[in-house]
Protein backbone atom coordinates (compact mmCIF):
# COMPACT_ATOMS: atom_id res chain seq x y z
CA MET A 1 -0.34 0.21 0.10
CA VAL A 2 1.05 3.50 -0.56
CA ALA A 3 1.23 6.52 2.09
CA LEU A 4 -0.43 9.50 0.90
CA ASP A 5 0.39 12.74 2.36
CA THR A 6 -3.31 14.08 3.94
CA THR A 7 -1.68 17.43 4.22
CA ARG A 8 -1.84 18.07 0.87
CA PHE A 9 -5.53 17.12 0.36
CA SER A 10 -5.89 19.27 3.02
CA PHE A 11 -4.31 22.60 1.48
CA VAL A 12 -5.98 21.80 -1.92
CA SER A 13 -9.80 21.72 -0.26
CA THR A 14 -9.03 24.99 1.60
CA LEU A 15 -7.81 26.65 -1.91
CA SER A 16 -11.49 25.25 -3.14
CA THR A 17 -13.35 27.02 -0.45
CA ASN A 18 -11.53 30.25 -0.43
CA PHE A 19 -11.38 30.69 -4.27
CA PRO A 20 -14.33 28.54 -5.94
CA SER A 21 -14.39 28.13 -9.23
CA LYS A 22 -16.87 29.64 -12.04
CA SER A 23 -17.00 26.78 -14.13
CA VAL A 24 -18.03 24.27 -11.17
CA HIS A 25 -20.89 24.69 -8.86
CA ARG A 26 -20.76 22.76 -5.98
CA THR A 27 -23.70 22.37 -3.45
CA THR A 28 -22.46 20.35 -0.63
CA LYS A 29 -18.80 20.57 1.18
CA PRO A 30 -16.41 17.71 -0.22
CA PRO A 31 -15.72 15.65 2.40
CA SER A 32 -12.35 15.37 3.75
CA LEU A 33 -9.83 12.81 2.43
CA SER A 34 -7.88 10.38 5.33
CA VAL A 35 -6.30 7.74 3.82
CA SER A 36 -4.76 4.86 6.39
CA CYS A 37 -1.78 3.02 5.00
CA SER A 38 -0.43 1.38 8.26
CA LYS A 39 -1.41 0.01 11.56
CA SER A 40 -2.28 3.12 14.06
CA SER A 41 -1.32 0.47 16.99
CA SER A 42 1.32 -1.65 17.53
CA THR A 43 -0.79 -4.66 17.04
CA ASP A 44 -3.62 -5.73 14.33
CA SER A 45 -7.22 -6.34 14.60
CA ASN A 46 -6.71 -10.23 15.57
CA GLY A 47 -4.22 -9.14 18.44
CA ASP A 48 -1.20 -10.91 16.84
CA ASP A 49 2.00 -9.07 17.28
CA SER A 50 4.15 -12.43 16.54
CA LYS A 51 5.61 -10.38 13.09
CA ARG A 52 6.78 -7.32 14.98
CA LEU A 53 10.07 -6.32 14.15
CA SER A 54 11.08 -5.28 17.50
CA GLN A 55 10.22 -8.48 18.99
CA GLN A 56 12.69 -9.81 16.75
CA SER A 57 15.46 -7.33 18.23
CA SER A 58 16.21 -5.73 21.35
CA TRP A 59 15.00 -2.22 21.00
CA GLU A 60 12.10 -3.38 23.31
CA THR A 61 13.98 -5.71 26.15
CA LYS A 62 12.61 -5.35 29.47
CA ASP A 63 14.66 -4.99 32.47
CA SER A 64 14.29 -6.67 35.81
CA GLU A 65 11.78 -4.00 36.60
CA GLY A 66 9.55 -4.87 33.32
CA ASN A 67 10.51 -1.59 31.96
CA ASP A 68 11.99 -0.36 28.36
CA TYR A 69 16.06 -0.82 29.13
CA LEU A 70 17.06 1.69 26.42
CA TYR A 71 14.30 3.80 27.51
CA ARG A 72 15.67 3.60 30.73
CA LEU A 73 19.87 3.83 29.55
CA GLY A 74 18.66 6.69 27.77
CA LYS A 75 17.25 8.59 30.82
CA GLU A 76 20.56 7.96 32.64
CA ALA A 77 23.39 10.40 33.12
CA ASP A 78 26.66 10.02 31.31
CA ASN A 79 25.53 6.39 29.97
CA MET A 80 27.94 4.30 28.09
CA ASN A 81 26.17 1.25 26.26
CA ILE A 82 29.64 -0.03 26.18
CA ALA A 83 28.91 -0.88 29.84
CA VAL A 84 26.19 -3.55 29.27
CA GLY A 85 28.62 -5.65 27.21
CA ALA A 86 27.28 -9.15 25.26
CA ARG A 87 24.92 -10.15 27.98
CA SER A 88 21.74 -12.65 27.46
CA GLY A 89 18.51 -10.98 26.96
CA ILE A 90 20.31 -7.24 26.32
CA ILE A 91 21.31 -7.91 22.91
CA ASP A 92 20.26 -10.20 20.16
CA ASP A 93 20.75 -13.94 20.79
CA LEU A 94 22.32 -14.05 17.14
CA PHE A 95 25.18 -12.12 18.42
CA ALA A 96 25.19 -13.32 22.14
CA GLY A 97 25.37 -17.12 21.22
CA ASN A 98 24.43 -20.12 23.61
CA PHE A 99 27.87 -21.40 24.59
CA LEU A 100 30.66 -20.72 27.38
CA GLY A 101 31.30 -17.18 26.93
CA ARG A 102 27.50 -15.95 26.43
CA ASP A 103 27.25 -13.40 29.37
CA SER A 104 30.74 -12.07 28.50
CA ASP A 105 31.84 -8.44 28.83
CA ILE A 106 34.32 -8.06 25.97
CA VAL A 107 35.29 -4.48 26.43
CA PHE A 108 35.94 -4.54 30.49
CA ASP A 109 39.82 -4.71 29.83
CA TYR A 110 39.89 -2.11 27.84
CA ARG A 111 37.65 0.45 29.84
CA GLN A 112 39.61 -0.64 33.22
CA LYS A 113 42.62 2.07 32.91
CA VAL A 114 42.32 3.32 36.82
CA THR A 115 43.25 0.15 38.08
CA ARG A 116 46.84 -0.83 38.97
CA SER A 117 48.92 -4.20 38.94
CA PHE A 118 52.42 -4.29 40.79
CA GLU A 119 54.15 -6.43 38.53
CA TYR A 120 57.00 -3.82 38.75
CA LEU A 121 57.65 -4.40 42.41
CA GLN A 122 60.56 -7.27 41.66
CA GLY A 123 62.36 -8.29 44.68
CA ASP A 124 61.91 -9.45 48.11
CA TYR A 125 60.72 -6.93 50.48
CA TYR A 126 60.07 -6.81 54.02
CA ILE A 127 56.24 -5.95 55.25
CA ALA A 128 55.85 -4.88 58.76
CA PRO A 129 53.39 -7.80 60.88
CA LEU A 130 51.68 -4.91 62.34
CA PHE A 131 51.09 -2.78 59.62
CA MET A 132 50.35 -6.22 57.35
CA ASP A 133 47.82 -7.21 60.23
CA LYS A 134 46.04 -3.90 60.10
CA VAL A 135 45.47 -3.70 56.22
CA VAL A 136 44.61 -7.51 55.96
CA CYS A 137 42.01 -7.88 58.82
CA HIS A 138 40.28 -4.31 57.67
CA ILE A 139 40.14 -5.66 54.35
CA VAL A 140 38.90 -9.02 55.43
CA LYS A 141 36.17 -7.46 57.44
CA ASN A 142 34.58 -5.35 55.06
CA TYR A 143 34.78 -8.25 52.27
CA ILE A 144 32.71 -10.39 55.45
CA ALA A 145 30.63 -7.47 56.88
CA HIS A 146 27.58 -8.70 55.65
CA LEU A 147 28.66 -12.10 57.70
CA LEU A 148 29.10 -9.81 60.90
CA ASN A 149 26.85 -8.44 63.17
CA ILE A 150 29.21 -5.62 64.16
CA LYS A 151 29.62 -2.12 62.34
CA VAL A 152 32.43 -2.41 59.80
CA PRO A 153 34.24 0.84 58.95
CA LEU A 154 34.59 1.31 55.24
CA ILE A 155 37.52 3.59 55.56
CA LEU A 156 41.15 2.81 56.98
CA GLY A 157 43.12 5.71 57.60
CA ILE A 158 46.53 4.91 58.04
CA TRP A 159 48.68 8.34 59.16
CA GLY A 160 51.88 9.09 60.28
CA GLY A 161 55.40 10.80 59.82
CA LYS A 162 56.35 11.61 56.06
CA GLY A 163 58.55 8.79 54.29
CA GLN A 164 57.48 6.21 56.77
CA GLY A 165 56.62 3.97 53.78
CA LYS A 166 52.64 4.10 54.23
CA SER A 167 51.79 3.75 50.59
CA PHE A 168 54.67 1.27 49.85
CA GLN A 169 54.01 -1.13 52.51
CA THR A 170 50.23 -1.29 51.42
CA GLU A 171 51.43 -1.77 47.72
CA LEU A 172 52.98 -4.78 48.74
CA ILE A 173 50.49 -5.87 50.85
CA PHE A 174 48.11 -5.72 47.66
CA GLN A 175 50.98 -7.44 45.90
CA ALA A 176 50.80 -10.41 48.43
CA MET A 177 46.85 -10.43 48.18
CA GLY A 178 46.47 -10.23 44.61
CA ILE A 179 44.36 -7.32 45.18
CA GLU A 180 43.93 -5.01 41.99
CA PRO A 181 43.46 -1.48 43.56
CA VAL A 182 42.02 1.66 42.08
CA ILE A 183 44.48 4.66 43.29
CA MET A 184 43.87 8.07 43.71
CA SER A 185 45.66 10.84 44.68
CA ALA A 186 45.02 14.14 46.15
CA GLY A 187 45.23 16.06 43.25
CA GLU A 188 42.11 14.61 41.93
CA LEU A 189 39.79 15.78 44.93
CA GLU A 190 39.67 19.29 43.71
CA SER A 191 38.49 20.78 40.14
CA GLU A 192 37.78 23.93 38.58
CA ARG A 193 34.31 22.00 38.06
CA ALA A 194 31.97 21.80 40.78
CA GLY A 195 31.13 18.29 41.88
CA GLU A 196 33.51 16.46 39.74
CA PRO A 197 35.60 15.37 42.43
CA GLY A 198 32.65 13.78 44.19
CA LYS A 199 31.51 12.04 41.07
CA LEU A 200 35.24 10.88 40.54
CA ILE A 201 35.04 9.09 43.76
CA ARG A 202 31.80 7.44 43.26
CA GLU A 203 32.75 6.07 39.65
CA ARG A 204 36.10 4.85 40.60
CA TYR A 205 34.59 3.07 43.90
CA ARG A 206 32.24 1.36 41.32
CA THR A 207 34.84 0.54 39.10
CA ALA A 208 36.78 -1.53 42.00
CA SER A 209 33.39 -3.26 42.57
CA GLN A 210 33.04 -4.29 38.79
CA VAL A 211 36.68 -5.61 39.18
CA VAL A 212 35.45 -7.70 42.04
CA GLN A 213 31.81 -8.69 39.97
CA ASN A 214 33.61 -9.12 36.43
CA GLN A 215 37.27 -10.07 37.15
CA GLY A 216 36.80 -12.46 40.14
CA LYS A 217 39.46 -10.14 41.54
CA MET A 218 39.55 -8.74 45.19
CA SER A 219 40.09 -4.77 44.58
CA CYS A 220 39.60 -1.55 47.08
CA LEU A 221 39.53 2.28 46.54
CA MET A 222 42.99 3.70 47.83
CA ILE A 223 43.28 7.28 48.29
CA ASN A 224 46.76 8.89 49.03
CA ASP A 225 47.42 11.76 51.11
CA ILE A 226 44.18 12.60 51.78
CA ASP A 227 44.82 15.27 54.24
CA ALA A 228 46.74 17.22 51.18
CA GLY A 229 43.48 17.72 49.76
CA LEU A 230 40.89 17.91 52.44
CA GLY A 231 43.02 18.67 55.05
CA ARG A 232 42.63 22.56 56.78
CA PHE A 233 46.16 23.98 57.59
CA GLY A 234 46.18 27.55 58.82
CA ASN A 235 44.07 30.22 56.42
CA THR A 236 43.35 27.47 53.89
CA GLN A 237 40.18 28.25 51.96
CA MET A 238 37.15 25.25 51.99
CA THR A 239 35.94 25.10 48.66
CA VAL A 240 32.54 23.21 47.41
CA ASN A 241 34.36 20.47 46.10
CA ASN A 242 36.27 19.97 49.40
CA GLN A 243 32.63 19.87 50.97
CA ILE A 244 31.29 17.51 48.06
CA VAL A 245 34.44 14.92 49.11
CA VAL A 246 33.72 14.64 52.24
CA GLY A 247 29.79 14.30 51.69
CA THR A 248 30.57 11.34 49.19
CA LEU A 249 33.06 9.44 51.71
CA MET A 250 30.56 10.08 54.31
CA ASN A 251 27.40 8.64 52.35
CA LEU A 252 29.96 5.97 51.25
CA SER A 253 30.73 4.77 54.28
CA ASP A 254 27.21 4.99 55.27
CA ASN A 255 25.53 3.07 52.44
CA PRO A 256 28.42 1.45 50.87
CA THR A 257 26.09 -1.23 48.38
CA ARG A 258 24.22 2.05 47.26
CA VAL A 259 26.39 4.40 45.17
CA SER A 260 24.97 6.53 42.41
CA ILE A 261 26.77 8.28 39.64
CA GLY A 262 23.77 10.38 38.47
CA GLN A 263 21.32 7.94 37.05
CA ASP A 264 17.85 6.95 38.08
CA TRP A 265 17.76 4.49 41.43
CA ARG A 266 16.92 0.97 40.80
CA GLU A 267 16.21 -1.80 43.22
CA SER A 268 18.67 -4.12 40.63
CA ASP A 269 21.26 -1.59 41.32
CA VAL A 270 23.32 -3.16 44.17
CA THR A 271 27.17 -2.34 44.17
CA ASN A 272 29.87 -4.61 45.84
CA ARG A 273 31.35 -3.33 49.17
CA VAL A 274 34.80 -2.65 48.32
CA PRO A 275 36.93 -1.27 51.32
CA ILE A 276 38.49 2.52 51.12
CA ILE A 277 42.05 3.17 52.37
CA CYS A 278 43.52 6.29 52.54
CA THR A 279 47.17 7.39 53.52
CA GLY A 280 47.92 10.75 55.10
CA ASN A 281 50.28 12.51 57.60
CA ASP A 282 47.41 14.23 59.94
CA LEU A 283 44.13 13.07 60.02
CA SER A 284 43.11 15.52 62.70
CA THR A 285 43.05 18.40 59.72
CA ILE A 286 40.22 16.24 58.31
CA TYR A 287 36.29 17.07 58.91
CA ALA A 288 35.56 15.51 62.48
CA PRO A 289 32.73 13.49 61.77
CA LEU A 290 34.36 11.71 58.52
CA ILE A 291 37.01 10.51 61.01
CA ARG A 292 34.39 9.23 63.51
CA ASP A 293 34.72 5.54 64.95
CA GLY A 294 31.80 3.94 62.79
CA ARG A 295 32.98 5.45 59.42
CA MET A 296 36.89 5.28 59.43
CA GLU A 297 39.03 3.50 61.55
CA LYS A 298 42.30 5.23 62.42
CA PHE A 299 45.90 3.28 62.16
CA PHE A 300 48.98 5.22 63.10
CA TRP A 301 52.00 3.94 61.61
CA GLN A 302 55.25 4.80 63.22
CA PRO A 303 57.98 1.77 62.60
CA ASN A 304 60.28 0.62 65.69
CA LEU A 305 63.47 0.18 65.49
CA GLU A 306 63.13 -3.62 64.56
CA ASP A 307 60.89 -2.84 61.32
CA ILE A 308 63.48 0.03 60.29
CA VAL A 309 66.13 -2.53 60.41
CA ASN A 310 64.67 -5.69 58.50
CA ILE A 311 63.47 -3.07 55.70
CA VAL A 312 66.10 -1.17 55.24
CA HIS A 313 68.62 -4.95 55.22
CA ARG A 314 65.94 -6.01 52.39
CA THR A 315 66.85 -2.81 50.41
CA TYR A 316 70.85 -3.33 51.35
CA GLU A 317 70.85 -7.20 50.96
CA LYS A 318 71.66 -7.67 47.39
CA ASP A 319 74.25 -4.94 47.65
CA GLY A 320 76.13 -7.27 49.91
CA ILE A 321 75.81 -5.21 53.14
CA SER A 322 75.28 -7.24 56.10
CA ARG A 323 72.41 -6.59 58.59
CA ASN A 324 75.00 -5.64 61.55
CA GLU A 325 76.49 -3.33 58.67
CA VAL A 326 72.60 -1.78 58.66
CA ILE A 327 72.27 -1.31 62.12
CA SER A 328 75.54 0.08 62.54
CA ILE A 329 73.92 2.47 59.49
CA VAL A 330 70.66 2.87 61.61
CA ASN A 331 72.61 3.67 65.21
CA THR A 332 74.69 6.50 63.13
CA PHE A 333 71.56 7.78 61.96
CA PRO A 334 68.68 7.74 64.43
CA ASN A 335 65.30 9.18 64.27
CA GLN A 336 65.28 9.08 60.70
CA ALA A 337 62.27 8.34 57.98
CA LEU A 338 62.66 5.19 56.03
CA ASP A 339 63.08 7.52 52.78
CA PHE A 340 66.66 9.08 54.47
CA TYR A 341 67.77 5.43 54.24
CA GLY A 342 66.56 5.10 50.56
CA ALA A 343 68.26 8.11 49.51
CA LEU A 344 71.64 7.15 50.80
CA ARG A 345 71.93 4.07 48.59
CA SER A 346 70.56 7.01 45.44
CA ARG A 347 73.17 9.34 46.71
CA THR A 348 76.28 6.84 46.07
CA TYR A 349 75.36 6.81 42.14
CA ASP A 350 76.02 10.44 41.55
CA ARG A 351 79.67 9.93 41.33
CA SER A 352 79.12 6.97 39.01
CA ILE A 353 76.77 8.91 36.76
CA SER A 354 79.15 11.84 36.68
CA LYS A 355 82.00 9.82 35.44
CA TRP A 356 79.07 7.95 32.69
CA ILE A 357 78.59 11.50 31.23
CA ASP A 358 82.39 12.12 30.92
CA ASP A 359 82.40 8.88 28.84
CA ILE A 360 79.63 9.67 26.37
CA GLY A 361 81.46 12.79 25.09
CA GLY A 362 80.53 15.23 28.31
CA VAL A 363 77.11 17.60 28.66
CA GLU A 364 77.64 19.41 25.39
CA ASN A 365 76.87 15.84 24.08
CA LEU A 366 74.08 14.84 26.35
CA GLY A 367 71.21 15.48 24.10
CA ARG A 368 72.65 14.18 21.12
CA LYS A 369 73.36 11.08 22.80
CA LEU A 370 69.93 10.38 24.74
CA LEU A 371 67.74 11.53 22.40
CA LYS A 372 69.18 11.08 18.83
CA LEU A 373 70.67 8.13 18.66
CA LYS A 374 71.50 6.47 15.58
CA LYS A 375 69.65 3.43 14.96
CA ASP A 376 72.75 1.21 15.52
CA GLU A 377 74.42 3.02 18.15
CA LYS A 378 74.24 2.51 21.69
CA LEU A 379 74.86 4.17 25.32
CA PRO A 380 78.06 3.40 26.77
CA VAL A 381 77.48 0.75 29.52
CA PHE A 382 76.54 2.34 32.69
CA THR A 383 78.47 0.21 36.02
CA PRO A 384 76.69 0.51 38.86
CA PRO A 385 79.10 1.75 41.77
CA GLU A 386 79.82 -1.05 44.45
CA GLN A 387 77.87 -0.70 47.62
CA THR A 388 80.65 -0.09 50.67
CA VAL A 389 79.33 0.88 54.08
CA GLU A 390 82.13 4.21 54.35
CA ALA A 391 80.20 5.01 50.89
CA LEU A 392 76.75 5.23 52.46
CA PHE A 393 78.26 7.03 55.47
CA GLU A 394 79.48 9.77 53.61
CA SER A 395 76.36 10.16 51.25
CA GLY A 396 74.32 10.50 55.02
CA MET A 397 76.62 12.83 56.28
CA ALA A 398 76.15 15.11 53.18
CA SER A 399 72.79 14.21 53.69
CA ILE A 400 72.68 15.97 57.38
CA ARG A 401 74.62 19.07 56.40
CA LYS A 402 72.02 19.83 53.63
CA ALA A 403 68.68 19.29 55.57
CA SER A 404 70.72 21.38 58.49
CA LEU A 405 71.11 24.40 55.88
CA TYR A 406 67.30 24.84 55.12
CA THR A 407 65.56 23.50 58.64
CA ALA A 408 68.17 26.51 60.46
């Protein structure tokens, strides 16, 4: 059947009424023309809708609540259809198949760029038992919170002096437990747009939840140096984003399985609970209701002498430095953070690097040698210096002298 445009006939009848023809005398008004060439409803008179094209497609697939799935997706803010994946009942069976991998999410690996693995941590490192016990206990409690008849804090706040290995020790624990965390820094807690950091935290939290659900790996959200982004120091200004971030973390602590990123609430949208771990130097600068018991569990980390000796010895062990020599170094430079002893080893490389610069032609040729090498040209081999106790003592004394200059 051919579809006709009724507006054209309406326009012709209007012209006939306003400008009557002299050669034709009409005694009655011509009837209006109405042509129906398609069904006015989705079903025919017999109620048979088995041949509807939409029944053979996913455009009218219903969600768990019986509502139109694609219509609901369109209403959600910042929706990405790739988050749906190749799941049965969502796209056509022709594409989903009826075999292994039917409920696969083929683009998940490409979307998860904010998770971090720790393959780069090669070697044998020491993890302080007290530190490991606290972090592991917090992670396990949050994963079995539904089995415990207690209030489990969602956030663990690890605080202490600078350079004490809070972040590094936590990453070593993640590597040992096979956890793939989502890492945030204090620099992401502020933005030129109001509300962006709070939304980013919720998105990162849901990403960690998706790692658990889709990859079958343990995950968590880690925020480094949280007091640098949320702390109040002297006359610092409190911004709207500071307030929103604090409110977001408080809401996550109170409702860890109901996390919205702007879409409509759905009963079936339940987020897996994942723990949050924060590091900082002074948690007392953060809004007090956020760090109260029940929301955040505080852990003050100050390594004792045995922890320091064990951690430094593992660092120097591959250089042939014995445990007794490490003890003598620690006793010679007491009351120092862990990063001080790591800096001693780095400073011993300075003299060898200066010699290597002379070997490749001096400072005048650094740009050409480092960045503009020919295809078959290679840099001279760099020989690491031999680590000795005397060299470490010399580096330590130089560090102390420099520190006295800017602390005086």
